[in-house]
Amino acid sequence: RDAQGLCIPCQAGEPGLLVGQINQQDPLRRFDGYVSESATSKKIAHSVFSKGDSAYLSGDVLVMDELGYMYFRDRSGDTFRWRGENVSTTEVEGVLSRLLGQTDVAVYGVAVPGTFKIQKTRLQREGFDPRQTSDRLFFLDLKQGHYLPLNEAVYTRICSGAFAL
């Protein structure tokens, strides 16, 4: 959000959440909500385009090209918990895409021992075990302040709790 508390429109090439402005007087733009008030409130954002307005949060992440064409990118529901915060894999992908100058970046959560998160894909099954993947793996060493290669010795220390992330 900007200094006025309004949502910031995305630039071309930048992923963003598709929202629909709600207008209860317009049958094509009204949103009556769900049976559950809680579910309804999770789908509505306020002061999106102007102070006091409301918009429906679709959950779809799109990217617009320079010509104004929009392309589906992801669902915003792909989140994981990190240090008590919900982290959107799509937001992380957007940041990495800009930082690395890459068009396609894939970010996904993996099960870390002790979190009991259900694994859903092949990538999650591989996790961050260097013996399960041929990919090069790295981790952020907070003491050194930069990323280091993740090898089997470090992996074992993380899993045993001897090394904190």
N, C-alpha and C. Protein backbone atom coordinates (compact mmCIF):
# COMPACT_ATOMS: atom_id res chain seq x y z
N ARG A 1 0.85 -1.20 0.00
CA ARG A 1 0.00 0.00 0.00
C ARG A 1 0.88 1.25 0.00
N ASP A 2 0.33 2.32 -0.56
CA ASP A 2 1.09 3.56 -0.64
C ASP A 2 0.91 4.39 0.64
N ALA A 3 1.42 5.61 0.63
CA ALA A 3 1.35 6.47 1.81
C ALA A 3 -0.09 6.82 2.19
N GLN A 4 -1.02 6.79 1.22
CA GLN A 4 -2.43 7.07 1.51
C GLN A 4 -3.19 5.81 1.94
N GLY A 5 -2.50 4.67 1.98
CA GLY A 5 -3.13 3.42 2.39
C GLY A 5 -3.84 2.69 1.27
N LEU A 6 -3.67 3.15 0.03
CA LEU A 6 -4.30 2.51 -1.12
C LEU A 6 -3.36 1.49 -1.74
N CYS A 7 -3.93 0.52 -2.45
CA CYS A 7 -3.11 -0.50 -3.11
C CYS A 7 -2.32 0.12 -4.25
N ILE A 8 -1.13 -0.41 -4.47
CA ILE A 8 -0.25 0.09 -5.52
C ILE A 8 -0.44 -0.78 -6.76
N PRO A 9 -0.82 -0.18 -7.89
CA PRO A 9 -0.98 -0.98 -9.12
C PRO A 9 0.35 -1.58 -9.55
N CYS A 10 0.29 -2.76 -10.12
CA CYS A 10 1.49 -3.45 -10.59
C CYS A 10 1.96 -2.84 -11.91
N GLN A 11 3.26 -2.90 -12.12
CA GLN A 11 3.86 -2.49 -13.39
C GLN A 11 3.84 -3.68 -14.34
N ALA A 12 4.06 -3.44 -15.62
CA ALA A 12 4.14 -4.52 -16.60
C ALA A 12 5.24 -5.49 -16.18
N GLY A 13 4.92 -6.78 -16.25
CA GLY A 13 5.88 -7.81 -15.88
C GLY A 13 5.93 -8.14 -14.40
N GLU A 14 5.20 -7.39 -13.60
CA GLU A 14 5.20 -7.59 -12.15
C GLU A 14 3.95 -8.38 -11.76
N PRO A 15 4.10 -9.48 -11.01
CA PRO A 15 2.92 -10.25 -10.61
C PRO A 15 2.06 -9.47 -9.62
N GLY A 16 0.75 -9.65 -9.74
CA GLY A 16 -0.16 -8.97 -8.83
C GLY A 16 -1.45 -9.75 -8.67
N LEU A 17 -2.14 -9.49 -7.58
CA LEU A 17 -3.40 -10.18 -7.28
C LEU A 17 -4.54 -9.54 -8.07
N LEU A 18 -5.34 -10.38 -8.72
CA LEU A 18 -6.51 -9.90 -9.45
C LEU A 18 -7.60 -9.57 -8.44
N VAL A 19 -8.07 -8.32 -8.47
CA VAL A 19 -9.16 -7.89 -7.59
C VAL A 19 -10.27 -7.31 -8.45
N GLY A 20 -11.48 -7.38 -7.93
CA GLY A 20 -12.63 -6.81 -8.64
C GLY A 20 -13.32 -5.80 -7.76
N GLN A 21 -13.47 -4.57 -8.25
CA GLN A 21 -14.12 -3.53 -7.47
C GLN A 21 -15.57 -3.91 -7.21
N ILE A 22 -15.99 -3.80 -5.97
CA ILE A 22 -17.36 -4.14 -5.58
C ILE A 22 -18.22 -2.88 -5.64
N ASN A 23 -19.39 -3.03 -6.30
CA ASN A 23 -20.38 -1.96 -6.36
C ASN A 23 -21.74 -2.63 -6.16
N GLN A 24 -22.31 -2.48 -5.00
CA GLN A 24 -23.56 -3.16 -4.66
C GLN A 24 -24.74 -2.70 -5.52
N GLN A 25 -24.64 -1.52 -6.19
CA GLN A 25 -25.72 -1.04 -7.04
C GLN A 25 -25.61 -1.59 -8.47
N ASP A 26 -24.50 -2.20 -8.80
CA ASP A 26 -24.28 -2.75 -10.14
C ASP A 26 -24.37 -4.27 -10.06
N PRO A 27 -25.36 -4.88 -10.72
CA PRO A 27 -25.53 -6.34 -10.61
C PRO A 27 -24.31 -7.14 -11.09
N LEU A 28 -23.49 -6.55 -11.95
CA LEU A 28 -22.30 -7.25 -12.43
C LEU A 28 -21.10 -7.09 -11.49
N ARG A 29 -21.21 -6.15 -10.56
CA ARG A 29 -20.08 -5.89 -9.66
C ARG A 29 -20.43 -6.05 -8.18
N ARG A 30 -21.61 -6.56 -7.90
CA ARG A 30 -21.99 -6.73 -6.50
C ARG A 30 -21.40 -8.02 -5.95
N PHE A 31 -21.21 -8.08 -4.66
CA PHE A 31 -20.73 -9.28 -4.00
C PHE A 31 -21.53 -9.45 -2.73
N ASP A 32 -22.37 -10.49 -2.70
CA ASP A 32 -23.22 -10.72 -1.54
C ASP A 32 -22.53 -11.56 -0.48
N GLY A 33 -21.42 -12.15 -0.83
CA GLY A 33 -20.65 -12.89 0.16
C GLY A 33 -21.05 -14.34 0.26
N TYR A 34 -20.48 -14.97 1.27
CA TYR A 34 -20.70 -16.39 1.53
C TYR A 34 -21.61 -16.54 2.74
N VAL A 35 -22.01 -17.76 3.04
CA VAL A 35 -22.83 -18.03 4.22
C VAL A 35 -22.04 -17.64 5.47
N SER A 36 -20.77 -17.96 5.47
CA SER A 36 -19.90 -17.64 6.61
C SER A 36 -19.39 -16.21 6.51
N GLU A 37 -19.69 -15.40 7.52
CA GLU A 37 -19.20 -14.02 7.55
C GLU A 37 -17.69 -13.98 7.57
N SER A 38 -17.09 -14.92 8.27
CA SER A 38 -15.63 -14.99 8.35
C SER A 38 -15.02 -15.22 6.97
N ALA A 39 -15.59 -16.15 6.21
CA ALA A 39 -15.10 -16.42 4.85
C ALA A 39 -15.29 -15.21 3.95
N THR A 40 -16.40 -14.50 4.12
CA THR A 40 -16.67 -13.31 3.33
C THR A 40 -15.64 -12.23 3.62
N SER A 41 -15.37 -11.98 4.89
CA SER A 41 -14.43 -10.90 5.24
C SER A 41 -13.01 -11.19 4.74
N LYS A 42 -12.65 -12.47 4.61
CA LYS A 42 -11.32 -12.82 4.09
C LYS A 42 -11.19 -12.53 2.60
N LYS A 43 -12.31 -12.41 1.91
CA LYS A 43 -12.30 -12.19 0.46
C LYS A 43 -12.48 -10.73 0.06
N ILE A 44 -12.61 -9.84 1.03
CA ILE A 44 -12.84 -8.43 0.72
C ILE A 44 -11.70 -7.58 1.27
N ALA A 45 -11.17 -6.71 0.41
CA ALA A 45 -10.17 -5.72 0.82
C ALA A 45 -10.84 -4.35 0.76
N HIS A 46 -10.44 -3.47 1.66
CA HIS A 46 -11.03 -2.13 1.72
C HIS A 46 -9.99 -1.08 1.36
N SER A 47 -10.47 0.05 0.88
CA SER A 47 -9.60 1.16 0.45
C SER A 47 -8.54 0.66 -0.52
N VAL A 48 -9.01 0.08 -1.60
CA VAL A 48 -8.11 -0.48 -2.62
C VAL A 48 -7.77 0.57 -3.66
N PHE A 49 -8.78 1.09 -4.37
CA PHE A 49 -8.59 2.08 -5.43
C PHE A 49 -8.77 3.51 -4.89
N SER A 50 -9.69 3.65 -3.91
CA SER A 50 -9.94 4.94 -3.27
C SER A 50 -10.40 4.68 -1.84
N LYS A 51 -10.31 5.70 -1.00
CA LYS A 51 -10.69 5.55 0.40
C LYS A 51 -12.14 5.09 0.52
N GLY A 52 -12.35 4.04 1.31
CA GLY A 52 -13.70 3.57 1.59
C GLY A 52 -14.28 2.58 0.60
N ASP A 53 -13.60 2.32 -0.51
CA ASP A 53 -14.14 1.35 -1.46
C ASP A 53 -13.83 -0.07 -1.01
N SER A 54 -14.37 -1.04 -1.73
CA SER A 54 -14.14 -2.45 -1.42
C SER A 54 -13.85 -3.20 -2.72
N ALA A 55 -13.06 -4.26 -2.59
CA ALA A 55 -12.74 -5.08 -3.76
C ALA A 55 -12.71 -6.54 -3.35
N TYR A 56 -13.12 -7.39 -4.29
CA TYR A 56 -13.11 -8.84 -4.09
C TYR A 56 -11.72 -9.36 -4.40
N LEU A 57 -11.16 -10.16 -3.49
CA LEU A 57 -9.84 -10.76 -3.68
C LEU A 57 -10.02 -12.12 -4.35
N SER A 58 -9.64 -12.22 -5.61
CA SER A 58 -9.87 -13.44 -6.38
C SER A 58 -8.97 -14.60 -5.96
N GLY A 59 -7.79 -14.28 -5.47
CA GLY A 59 -6.82 -15.33 -5.16
C GLY A 59 -5.96 -15.70 -6.35
N ASP A 60 -6.23 -15.10 -7.52
CA ASP A 60 -5.44 -15.37 -8.72
C ASP A 60 -4.35 -14.33 -8.87
N VAL A 61 -3.14 -14.80 -9.13
CA VAL A 61 -2.01 -13.91 -9.39
C VAL A 61 -1.80 -13.87 -10.90
N LEU A 62 -1.82 -12.66 -11.45
CA LEU A 62 -1.65 -12.46 -12.89
C LEU A 62 -0.44 -11.58 -13.14
N VAL A 63 0.06 -11.65 -14.37
CA VAL A 63 1.12 -10.75 -14.82
C VAL A 63 0.62 -10.09 -16.10
N MET A 64 0.79 -8.77 -16.19
CA MET A 64 0.38 -8.04 -17.38
C MET A 64 1.62 -7.71 -18.20
N ASP A 65 1.51 -7.89 -19.53
CA ASP A 65 2.64 -7.52 -20.38
C ASP A 65 2.54 -6.05 -20.77
N GLU A 66 3.50 -5.58 -21.57
CA GLU A 66 3.56 -4.16 -21.95
C GLU A 66 2.36 -3.72 -22.79
N LEU A 67 1.67 -4.69 -23.42
CA LEU A 67 0.51 -4.36 -24.25
C LEU A 67 -0.81 -4.41 -23.48
N GLY A 68 -0.74 -4.78 -22.20
CA GLY A 68 -1.94 -4.84 -21.38
C GLY A 68 -2.60 -6.20 -21.33
N TYR A 69 -2.01 -7.20 -22.01
CA TYR A 69 -2.55 -8.55 -21.94
C TYR A 69 -2.15 -9.17 -20.60
N MET A 70 -3.09 -9.91 -20.01
CA MET A 70 -2.83 -10.52 -18.70
C MET A 70 -2.71 -12.02 -18.82
N TYR A 71 -1.82 -12.57 -18.01
CA TYR A 71 -1.54 -14.01 -18.03
C TYR A 71 -1.62 -14.55 -16.61
N PHE A 72 -2.29 -15.69 -16.48
CA PHE A 72 -2.38 -16.34 -15.17
C PHE A 72 -0.99 -16.79 -14.74
N ARG A 73 -0.64 -16.55 -13.48
CA ARG A 73 0.68 -16.93 -12.97
C ARG A 73 0.58 -17.98 -11.88
N ASP A 74 -0.35 -17.80 -10.93
CA ASP A 74 -0.38 -18.68 -9.77
C ASP A 74 -1.63 -18.40 -8.96
N ARG A 75 -1.82 -19.17 -7.92
CA ARG A 75 -2.86 -18.93 -6.92
C ARG A 75 -2.17 -18.37 -5.69
N SER A 76 -2.77 -17.36 -5.07
CA SER A 76 -2.13 -16.73 -3.91
C SER A 76 -2.24 -17.59 -2.66
N GLY A 77 -3.02 -18.66 -2.70
CA GLY A 77 -3.16 -19.52 -1.53
C GLY A 77 -1.94 -20.37 -1.24
N ASP A 78 -0.94 -20.33 -2.13
CA ASP A 78 0.26 -21.12 -1.90
C ASP A 78 1.15 -20.38 -0.91
N THR A 79 0.94 -20.66 0.37
CA THR A 79 1.71 -20.00 1.42
C THR A 79 2.29 -21.04 2.36
N PHE A 80 3.26 -20.60 3.13
CA PHE A 80 3.81 -21.45 4.17
C PHE A 80 4.13 -20.58 5.38
N ARG A 81 4.31 -21.20 6.51
CA ARG A 81 4.60 -20.47 7.74
C ARG A 81 6.11 -20.40 7.93
N TRP A 82 6.61 -19.22 8.27
CA TRP A 82 8.02 -19.04 8.57
C TRP A 82 8.13 -18.06 9.72
N ARG A 83 8.66 -18.55 10.83
CA ARG A 83 8.83 -17.74 12.04
C ARG A 83 7.53 -17.03 12.44
N GLY A 84 6.43 -17.78 12.37
CA GLY A 84 5.14 -17.26 12.81
C GLY A 84 4.44 -16.36 11.81
N GLU A 85 4.98 -16.22 10.61
CA GLU A 85 4.37 -15.37 9.58
C GLU A 85 3.95 -16.22 8.39
N ASN A 86 2.85 -15.84 7.74
CA ASN A 86 2.46 -16.47 6.48
C ASN A 86 3.29 -15.85 5.37
N VAL A 87 3.94 -16.68 4.59
CA VAL A 87 4.77 -16.21 3.48
C VAL A 87 4.16 -16.72 2.19
N SER A 88 3.91 -15.83 1.26
CA SER A 88 3.36 -16.20 -0.04
C SER A 88 4.49 -16.59 -0.97
N THR A 89 4.43 -17.81 -1.50
CA THR A 89 5.46 -18.23 -2.45
C THR A 89 5.44 -17.33 -3.68
N THR A 90 4.29 -16.84 -4.05
CA THR A 90 4.18 -15.97 -5.22
C THR A 90 4.91 -14.65 -4.99
N GLU A 91 4.77 -14.08 -3.79
CA GLU A 91 5.48 -12.83 -3.50
C GLU A 91 6.98 -13.05 -3.55
N VAL A 92 7.45 -14.16 -2.98
CA VAL A 92 8.88 -14.46 -3.00
C VAL A 92 9.35 -14.65 -4.43
N GLU A 93 8.54 -15.33 -5.26
CA GLU A 93 8.89 -15.50 -6.67
C GLU A 93 9.04 -14.15 -7.36
N GLY A 94 8.13 -13.23 -7.09
CA GLY A 94 8.19 -11.91 -7.71
C GLY A 94 9.46 -11.16 -7.34
N VAL A 95 9.82 -11.21 -6.06
CA VAL A 95 11.03 -10.54 -5.60
C VAL A 95 12.26 -11.17 -6.24
N LEU A 96 12.33 -12.49 -6.21
CA LEU A 96 13.48 -13.18 -6.81
C LEU A 96 13.56 -12.94 -8.31
N SER A 97 12.43 -12.93 -8.97
CA SER A 97 12.40 -12.69 -10.41
C SER A 97 13.02 -11.33 -10.74
N ARG A 98 12.64 -10.31 -9.98
CA ARG A 98 13.20 -8.97 -10.21
C ARG A 98 14.68 -8.91 -9.85
N LEU A 99 15.05 -9.49 -8.70
CA LEU A 99 16.44 -9.44 -8.26
C LEU A 99 17.38 -10.19 -9.19
N LEU A 100 16.94 -11.35 -9.66
CA LEU A 100 17.78 -12.20 -10.49
C LEU A 100 17.65 -11.91 -11.98
N GLY A 101 16.67 -11.10 -12.35
CA GLY A 101 16.45 -10.82 -13.76
C GLY A 101 15.96 -12.05 -14.52
N GLN A 102 15.23 -12.92 -13.85
CA GLN A 102 14.71 -14.14 -14.45
C GLN A 102 13.21 -14.01 -14.68
N THR A 103 12.73 -14.54 -15.79
CA THR A 103 11.30 -14.50 -16.09
C THR A 103 10.54 -15.50 -15.24
N ASP A 104 11.05 -16.72 -15.16
CA ASP A 104 10.37 -17.79 -14.44
C ASP A 104 11.17 -18.21 -13.22
N VAL A 105 10.55 -18.10 -12.06
CA VAL A 105 11.16 -18.52 -10.80
C VAL A 105 10.12 -19.35 -10.06
N ALA A 106 10.54 -20.48 -9.51
CA ALA A 106 9.61 -21.33 -8.75
C ALA A 106 10.04 -21.35 -7.29
N VAL A 107 9.10 -21.06 -6.42
CA VAL A 107 9.34 -21.09 -4.97
C VAL A 107 8.30 -21.99 -4.35
N TYR A 108 8.71 -22.84 -3.45
CA TYR A 108 7.78 -23.73 -2.78
C TYR A 108 8.29 -24.01 -1.38
N GLY A 109 7.36 -24.29 -0.48
CA GLY A 109 7.72 -24.64 0.88
C GLY A 109 8.06 -26.11 0.98
N VAL A 110 8.98 -26.44 1.85
CA VAL A 110 9.33 -27.84 2.09
C VAL A 110 9.12 -28.14 3.56
N ALA A 111 8.90 -29.40 3.86
CA ALA A 111 8.70 -29.82 5.25
C ALA A 111 10.05 -29.80 5.96
N VAL A 112 10.11 -29.09 7.07
CA VAL A 112 11.28 -29.09 7.92
C VAL A 112 10.91 -29.92 9.14
N PRO A 113 11.76 -30.86 9.55
CA PRO A 113 11.39 -31.71 10.68
C PRO A 113 10.85 -30.90 11.86
N GLY A 114 9.74 -31.37 12.39
CA GLY A 114 9.13 -30.70 13.54
C GLY A 114 7.96 -29.81 13.16
N THR A 115 7.75 -29.52 11.85
CA THR A 115 6.64 -28.66 11.47
C THR A 115 5.39 -29.44 11.14
N PHE A 116 5.51 -30.72 10.81
CA PHE A 116 4.39 -31.61 10.51
C PHE A 116 3.54 -31.12 9.35
N LYS A 117 4.12 -30.33 8.44
CA LYS A 117 3.37 -29.87 7.27
C LYS A 117 3.21 -31.01 6.27
N ILE A 118 2.02 -31.14 5.72
CA ILE A 118 1.75 -32.21 4.76
C ILE A 118 2.48 -31.90 3.45
N GLN A 119 3.19 -32.90 2.93
CA GLN A 119 3.91 -32.73 1.67
C GLN A 119 2.96 -33.03 0.51
N LYS A 120 2.98 -32.19 -0.53
CA LYS A 120 2.00 -32.32 -1.59
C LYS A 120 2.59 -32.60 -2.96
N THR A 121 3.83 -32.31 -3.20
CA THR A 121 4.39 -32.47 -4.54
C THR A 121 5.72 -33.20 -4.49
N ARG A 122 6.21 -33.56 -5.69
CA ARG A 122 7.51 -34.22 -5.79
C ARG A 122 8.61 -33.33 -5.21
N LEU A 123 8.54 -32.04 -5.49
CA LEU A 123 9.56 -31.13 -4.99
C LEU A 123 9.55 -31.07 -3.47
N GLN A 124 8.36 -31.09 -2.90
CA GLN A 124 8.28 -31.09 -1.45
C GLN A 124 8.79 -32.40 -0.87
N ARG A 125 8.57 -33.52 -1.58
CA ARG A 125 9.09 -34.80 -1.09
C ARG A 125 10.61 -34.78 -1.04
N GLU A 126 11.22 -34.14 -2.04
CA GLU A 126 12.68 -34.03 -2.03
C GLU A 126 13.14 -33.16 -0.88
N GLY A 127 12.32 -32.18 -0.52
CA GLY A 127 12.66 -31.30 0.59
C GLY A 127 13.97 -30.59 0.34
N PHE A 128 14.79 -30.50 1.37
CA PHE A 128 16.08 -29.85 1.21
C PHE A 128 17.22 -30.82 1.53
N ASP A 129 16.92 -32.11 1.43
CA ASP A 129 17.92 -33.16 1.66
C ASP A 129 18.83 -33.24 0.43
N PRO A 130 20.11 -32.91 0.56
CA PRO A 130 21.00 -32.92 -0.60
C PRO A 130 21.16 -34.31 -1.22
N ARG A 131 20.81 -35.36 -0.49
CA ARG A 131 20.90 -36.72 -1.05
C ARG A 131 19.71 -37.05 -1.93
N GLN A 132 18.63 -36.25 -1.85
CA GLN A 132 17.40 -36.52 -2.59
C GLN A 132 17.25 -35.71 -3.87
N THR A 133 18.17 -34.80 -4.12
CA THR A 133 18.05 -33.94 -5.30
C THR A 133 19.42 -33.71 -5.92
N SER A 134 19.43 -33.49 -7.21
CA SER A 134 20.68 -33.15 -7.90
C SER A 134 20.86 -31.63 -7.97
N ASP A 135 19.85 -30.88 -7.49
CA ASP A 135 19.95 -29.42 -7.49
C ASP A 135 20.96 -28.95 -6.46
N ARG A 136 21.60 -27.82 -6.75
CA ARG A 136 22.48 -27.20 -5.76
C ARG A 136 21.60 -26.50 -4.73
N LEU A 137 21.85 -26.72 -3.47
CA LEU A 137 21.05 -26.14 -2.40
C LEU A 137 21.90 -25.17 -1.59
N PHE A 138 21.26 -24.10 -1.10
CA PHE A 138 21.93 -23.10 -0.30
C PHE A 138 21.05 -22.76 0.90
N PHE A 139 21.66 -22.20 1.93
CA PHE A 139 20.92 -21.73 3.10
C PHE A 139 21.53 -20.42 3.54
N LEU A 140 20.71 -19.60 4.21
CA LEU A 140 21.19 -18.31 4.72
C LEU A 140 21.80 -18.53 6.09
N ASP A 141 23.09 -18.31 6.19
CA ASP A 141 23.79 -18.38 7.47
C ASP A 141 23.67 -17.01 8.11
N LEU A 142 22.82 -16.90 9.13
CA LEU A 142 22.56 -15.60 9.75
C LEU A 142 23.79 -15.02 10.43
N LYS A 143 24.66 -15.87 10.95
CA LYS A 143 25.88 -15.37 11.61
C LYS A 143 26.83 -14.75 10.61
N GLN A 144 26.97 -15.38 9.44
CA GLN A 144 27.88 -14.86 8.42
C GLN A 144 27.21 -13.84 7.51
N GLY A 145 25.87 -13.84 7.50
CA GLY A 145 25.13 -12.86 6.73
C GLY A 145 25.08 -13.11 5.24
N HIS A 146 25.33 -14.34 4.81
CA HIS A 146 25.21 -14.66 3.39
C HIS A 146 24.88 -16.13 3.19
N TYR A 147 24.57 -16.48 1.95
CA TYR A 147 24.17 -17.85 1.62
C TYR A 147 25.39 -18.74 1.46
N LEU A 148 25.28 -19.96 1.97
CA LEU A 148 26.34 -20.96 1.87
C LEU A 148 25.75 -22.24 1.28
N PRO A 149 26.59 -23.04 0.62
CA PRO A 149 26.10 -24.32 0.10
C PRO A 149 25.60 -25.22 1.23
N LEU A 150 24.51 -25.93 0.96
CA LEU A 150 23.97 -26.87 1.94
C LEU A 150 24.48 -28.26 1.56
N ASN A 151 25.34 -28.81 2.40
CA ASN A 151 25.86 -30.15 2.15
C ASN A 151 25.24 -31.12 3.15
N GLU A 152 25.62 -32.39 3.06
CA GLU A 152 25.03 -33.41 3.94
C GLU A 152 25.32 -33.14 5.41
N ALA A 153 26.53 -32.65 5.71
CA ALA A 153 26.89 -32.39 7.11
C ALA A 153 26.01 -31.29 7.71
N VAL A 154 25.80 -30.21 6.96
CA VAL A 154 24.95 -29.12 7.44
C VAL A 154 23.51 -29.61 7.55
N TYR A 155 23.06 -30.37 6.56
CA TYR A 155 21.70 -30.92 6.58
C TYR A 155 21.48 -31.75 7.85
N THR A 156 22.42 -32.61 8.18
CA THR A 156 22.31 -33.45 9.37
C THR A 156 22.24 -32.60 10.63
N ARG A 157 23.05 -31.54 10.70
CA ARG A 157 23.04 -30.64 11.87
C ARG A 157 21.70 -29.90 11.99
N ILE A 158 21.12 -29.48 10.85
CA ILE A 158 19.81 -28.80 10.87
C ILE A 158 18.74 -29.76 11.39
N CYS A 159 18.73 -30.98 10.85
CA CYS A 159 17.71 -31.96 11.23
C CYS A 159 17.82 -32.37 12.69
N SER A 160 19.02 -32.37 13.23
CA SER A 160 19.20 -32.78 14.63
C SER A 160 18.95 -31.63 15.59
N GLY A 161 18.80 -30.42 15.05
CA GLY A 161 18.58 -29.26 15.91
C GLY A 161 19.86 -28.62 16.38
N ALA A 162 21.02 -29.12 15.93
CA ALA A 162 22.31 -28.56 16.34
C ALA A 162 22.62 -27.26 15.60
N PHE A 163 21.93 -27.02 14.51
CA PHE A 163 22.15 -25.81 13.71
C PHE A 163 20.81 -25.14 13.49
N ALA A 164 20.65 -23.92 13.96
CA ALA A 164 19.38 -23.20 13.83
C ALA A 164 19.38 -22.32 12.60
N LEU A 165 18.26 -22.33 11.89
CA LEU A 165 18.12 -21.46 10.71
C LEU A 165 17.54 -20.13 11.13
